């Protein structure tokens, strides 16, 4: 098993931040609409992956995808996160009938405490865009390839759209003003780059879905092993 990598923001998800994260996707009309679009893409991805019966949701955050994952009656869900506080908030916040279907697991995505080929699919939403180092991404992807028997569903920010173009311009302006690049914990990754990294880790791209084609940075990939 790999040794975990500690990202710079990993320790921020204490009880207070976990509660804030729970409220984040419920706050206001546009956040709720964004969450519904996330759910729509997730359902499509799960269907393409063959409606896997044993799914590792990592990182699960406050469990916002647990009700969706539990829509398949016989699906077993492992809800995993690096933060024990996040897991506690998720188990307290989600419906009891959903939580009863979830096996909580505190673990790092870089060193998953599960055996080889132990789940049908890994559901990894809103993590990869936090990882700017290519070696760190490769370690995470290889760990997912080790643990998943068949598929990996993940989301990240990619280039080739209006929001990515605008973000690049803003970052250049900030760098020009400050004389150096500020600390970042979110990154736009060129699609060609990350797709090559998928292949290097042992995955092939089955399909991808864009949140809003040509406008938004978010993209969901369905990857299969082999």
Protein backbone atom coordinates (compact mmCIF):
# COMPACT_ATOMS: atom_id res chain seq x y z
CA UNK A 1 0.00 0.00 0.00
CA UNK A 2 1.20 3.53 -0.83
CA UNK A 3 2.22 6.05 1.83
CA UNK A 4 -0.26 8.96 2.15
CA UNK A 5 0.47 12.40 0.76
CA UNK A 6 -0.65 15.33 2.88
CA UNK A 7 -2.02 18.25 0.87
CA UNK A 8 -1.58 21.75 2.27
CA UNK A 9 -5.28 22.24 2.98
CA UNK A 10 -5.93 18.74 4.39
CA UNK A 11 -6.08 19.81 8.04
CA UNK A 12 -8.69 22.52 7.53
CA UNK A 13 -11.64 20.12 7.58
CA UNK A 14 -12.31 20.20 11.30
CA UNK A 15 -15.84 20.15 12.74
CA UNK A 16 -16.50 23.81 11.86
CA UNK A 17 -15.26 23.53 8.26
CA UNK A 18 -17.13 20.25 7.80
CA UNK A 19 -20.38 21.98 8.79
CA UNK A 20 -19.60 24.82 6.38
CA UNK A 21 -18.94 22.31 3.60
CA UNK A 22 -22.30 20.66 4.30
CA UNK A 23 -24.11 23.99 3.97
CA UNK A 24 -22.11 25.06 0.91
CA UNK A 25 -24.09 23.07 -1.67
CA UNK A 26 -27.45 23.95 -0.08
CA UNK A 27 -26.83 27.70 0.01
CA UNK A 28 -28.90 29.61 -2.53
CA UNK A 29 -30.64 28.88 -5.80
CA UNK A 30 -27.56 28.57 -8.04
CA UNK A 31 -25.75 26.25 -5.63
CA UNK A 32 -28.80 23.98 -5.53
CA UNK A 33 -29.03 24.02 -9.33
CA UNK A 34 -25.31 23.20 -9.55
CA UNK A 35 -25.81 20.27 -7.19
CA UNK A 36 -28.68 18.96 -9.35
CA UNK A 37 -26.45 19.11 -12.43
CA UNK A 38 -23.73 17.26 -10.50
CA UNK A 39 -26.28 14.58 -9.65
CA UNK A 40 -27.44 14.33 -13.26
CA UNK A 41 -23.90 13.75 -14.51
CA UNK A 42 -23.17 11.31 -11.67
CA UNK A 43 -26.21 9.19 -12.57
CA UNK A 44 -25.11 9.06 -16.21
CA UNK A 45 -21.60 8.10 -15.18
CA UNK A 46 -22.79 5.33 -12.85
CA UNK A 47 -25.05 3.95 -15.57
CA UNK A 48 -22.17 3.87 -18.06
CA UNK A 49 -20.01 2.12 -15.46
CA UNK A 50 -22.64 -0.64 -15.30
CA UNK A 51 -24.35 0.46 -12.07
CA UNK A 52 -21.58 -0.93 -9.83
CA UNK A 53 -22.75 -2.82 -6.76
CA UNK A 54 -19.87 -1.94 -4.40
CA UNK A 55 -18.79 1.70 -4.60
CA UNK A 56 -16.09 3.57 -2.69
CA UNK A 57 -17.09 7.24 -2.37
CA UNK A 58 -13.75 8.97 -1.77
CA UNK A 59 -13.61 11.69 -0.65
CA UNK A 60 -17.22 11.56 0.50
CA UNK A 61 -17.14 14.99 2.16
CA UNK A 62 -20.43 15.64 3.96
CA UNK A 63 -22.06 12.73 2.14
CA UNK A 64 -23.93 14.81 -0.41
CA UNK A 65 -23.82 11.99 -2.99
CA UNK A 66 -24.85 9.23 -0.57
CA UNK A 67 -28.61 9.55 -1.30
CA UNK A 68 -27.86 9.30 -5.03
CA UNK A 69 -25.57 6.30 -4.59
CA UNK A 70 -28.23 4.66 -2.41
CA UNK A 71 -30.84 4.90 -5.19
CA UNK A 72 -29.67 1.46 -6.38
CA UNK A 73 -31.31 -0.78 -3.74
CA UNK A 74 -28.63 -3.46 -3.49
CA UNK A 75 -25.59 -1.18 -3.75
CA UNK A 76 -23.05 -1.26 -0.94
CA UNK A 77 -21.42 2.14 -0.26
CA UNK A 78 -18.13 2.75 1.48
CA UNK A 79 -18.11 6.43 2.48
CA UNK A 80 -14.48 7.39 2.96
CA UNK A 81 -12.73 10.64 3.79
CA UNK A 82 -9.40 11.77 5.19
CA UNK A 83 -11.24 13.85 7.82
CA UNK A 84 -12.88 12.13 10.79
CA UNK A 85 -14.89 15.31 11.41
CA UNK A 86 -16.22 15.25 7.87
CA UNK A 87 -17.35 11.64 8.31
CA UNK A 88 -19.11 12.50 11.58
CA UNK A 89 -20.94 15.40 9.95
CA UNK A 90 -21.93 13.22 6.97
CA UNK A 91 -23.32 10.46 9.17
CA UNK A 92 -25.29 12.99 11.25
CA UNK A 93 -26.59 15.05 8.32
CA UNK A 94 -27.74 12.46 5.79
CA UNK A 95 -31.05 10.56 6.11
CA UNK A 96 -30.87 7.64 8.54
CA UNK A 97 -32.09 5.14 5.93
CA UNK A 98 -29.20 6.22 3.66
CA UNK A 99 -26.56 6.23 6.41
CA UNK A 100 -27.56 2.67 7.32
CA UNK A 101 -26.36 1.64 3.84
CA UNK A 102 -22.95 3.30 4.22
CA UNK A 103 -19.79 1.85 5.75
CA UNK A 104 -17.68 4.83 6.98
CA UNK A 105 -13.93 4.65 6.49
CA UNK A 106 -11.33 7.25 7.46
CA UNK A 107 -8.52 6.95 4.94
CA UNK A 108 -6.36 8.94 2.54
CA UNK A 109 -7.01 8.82 -1.20
CA UNK A 110 -3.24 8.42 -1.61
CA UNK A 111 -3.08 5.32 0.60
CA UNK A 112 -6.50 3.68 0.63
CA UNK A 113 -6.87 1.23 3.50
CA UNK A 114 -8.56 -1.46 1.42
CA UNK A 115 -7.19 -4.58 -0.32
CA UNK A 116 -6.40 -4.81 -4.03
CA UNK A 117 -9.46 -5.06 -6.33
CA UNK A 118 -11.81 -4.74 -3.38
CA UNK A 119 -14.53 -2.50 -4.89
CA UNK A 120 -16.34 -2.41 -8.22
CA UNK A 121 -15.94 1.33 -8.68
CA UNK A 122 -14.43 4.39 -7.03
CA UNK A 123 -16.52 7.56 -7.05
CA UNK A 124 -14.09 10.47 -6.67
CA UNK A 125 -15.80 13.84 -7.03
CA UNK A 126 -14.20 17.25 -6.57
CA UNK A 127 -10.73 16.17 -5.46
CA UNK A 128 -8.42 16.05 -8.48
CA UNK A 129 -8.70 19.79 -9.20
CA UNK A 130 -7.01 20.37 -5.82
CA UNK A 131 -3.89 18.46 -6.90
CA UNK A 132 -1.49 20.54 -8.99
CA UNK A 133 1.49 18.20 -8.77
CA UNK A 134 1.52 15.59 -11.56
CA UNK A 135 3.38 13.06 -9.39
CA UNK A 136 0.73 13.38 -6.69
CA UNK A 137 -2.05 12.89 -9.25
CA UNK A 138 -0.30 9.80 -10.58
CA UNK A 139 0.02 8.36 -7.07
CA UNK A 140 -3.68 8.89 -6.44
CA UNK A 141 -4.67 7.39 -9.81
CA UNK A 142 -2.47 4.33 -9.30
CA UNK A 143 -3.94 3.81 -5.85
CA UNK A 144 -7.42 3.93 -7.37
CA UNK A 145 -6.32 1.41 -10.02
CA UNK A 146 -5.10 -0.86 -7.25
CA UNK A 147 -8.32 -0.79 -5.23
CA UNK A 148 -10.96 -0.71 -8.01
CA UNK A 149 -11.75 -3.89 -9.92
CA UNK A 150 -13.31 -2.10 -12.86
CA UNK A 151 -14.00 1.64 -12.95
CA UNK A 152 -13.19 5.09 -11.62
CA UNK A 153 -15.59 8.02 -11.85
CA UNK A 154 -14.00 11.39 -11.14
CA UNK A 155 -14.41 15.09 -11.73
CA UNK A 156 -11.89 17.89 -12.23
CA UNK A 157 -11.32 21.24 -13.93
CA UNK A 158 -10.17 21.09 -17.55
CA UNK A 159 -9.14 23.66 -20.16
CA UNK A 160 -10.84 24.47 -23.47
CA UNK A 161 -13.74 26.51 -22.06
CA UNK A 162 -14.60 30.11 -21.20
CA UNK A 163 -14.20 29.80 -17.42
CA UNK A 164 -10.74 28.22 -17.74
CA UNK A 165 -9.65 30.97 -20.16
CA UNK A 166 -10.91 33.64 -17.75
CA UNK A 167 -9.23 32.00 -14.75
CA UNK A 168 -5.89 31.86 -16.59
CA UNK A 169 -6.13 35.59 -17.34
CA UNK A 170 -6.92 36.40 -13.70
CA UNK A 171 -4.00 34.33 -12.43
CA UNK A 172 -1.62 36.10 -14.84
CA UNK A 173 -2.83 39.50 -13.60
CA UNK A 174 -2.35 38.47 -9.96
CA UNK A 175 1.16 37.23 -10.70
CA UNK A 176 2.01 40.46 -12.53
CA UNK A 177 0.79 42.58 -9.60
CA UNK A 178 2.46 40.56 -6.84
CA UNK A 179 5.59 39.54 -8.73
CA UNK A 180 5.00 35.90 -7.76
CA UNK A 181 2.26 33.31 -7.96
CA UNK A 182 0.00 33.15 -4.91
CA UNK A 183 -0.76 29.95 -3.06
CA UNK A 184 -3.21 27.80 -5.02
CA UNK A 185 -5.26 24.81 -4.02
CA UNK A 186 -7.34 24.60 -7.20
CA UNK A 187 -5.93 23.94 -10.64
CA UNK A 188 -7.09 23.79 -14.25
CA UNK A 189 -5.49 20.71 -15.82
CA UNK A 190 -5.27 20.45 -19.62
CA UNK A 191 -7.53 17.62 -20.78
CA UNK A 192 -4.76 16.11 -22.93
CA UNK A 193 -2.41 16.08 -19.94
CA UNK A 194 -4.77 14.39 -17.52
CA UNK A 195 -5.97 11.85 -20.10
CA UNK A 196 -2.36 10.83 -20.68
CA UNK A 197 -2.01 10.47 -16.89
CA UNK A 198 -5.08 8.22 -16.83
CA UNK A 199 -3.46 5.91 -19.40
CA UNK A 200 -0.18 5.91 -17.50
CA UNK A 201 -2.02 4.73 -14.37
CA UNK A 202 -3.73 1.89 -16.24
CA UNK A 203 -7.10 3.43 -17.11
CA UNK A 204 -8.81 4.11 -20.44
CA UNK A 205 -11.40 6.84 -20.95
CA UNK A 206 -14.82 5.36 -21.59
CA UNK A 207 -16.67 8.69 -21.67
CA UNK A 208 -16.67 12.20 -20.32
CA UNK A 209 -19.40 14.74 -19.57
CA UNK A 210 -18.99 18.50 -19.30
CA UNK A 211 -20.97 20.43 -16.71
CA UNK A 212 -21.75 23.17 -19.27
CA UNK A 213 -19.92 22.49 -22.56
CA UNK A 214 -17.55 25.27 -23.68
CA UNK A 215 -18.40 27.36 -20.62
CA UNK A 216 -17.73 25.59 -17.29
CA UNK A 217 -14.45 23.97 -16.20
CA UNK A 218 -16.02 20.95 -14.52
CA UNK A 219 -15.75 17.63 -16.37
CA UNK A 220 -16.75 14.15 -15.19
CA UNK A 221 -14.78 11.18 -16.54
CA UNK A 222 -15.77 7.54 -16.59
CA UNK A 223 -12.56 5.49 -16.62
CA UNK A 224 -12.20 1.71 -17.00
CA UNK A 225 -9.23 -0.43 -16.12
CA UNK A 226 -7.22 -2.07 -18.90
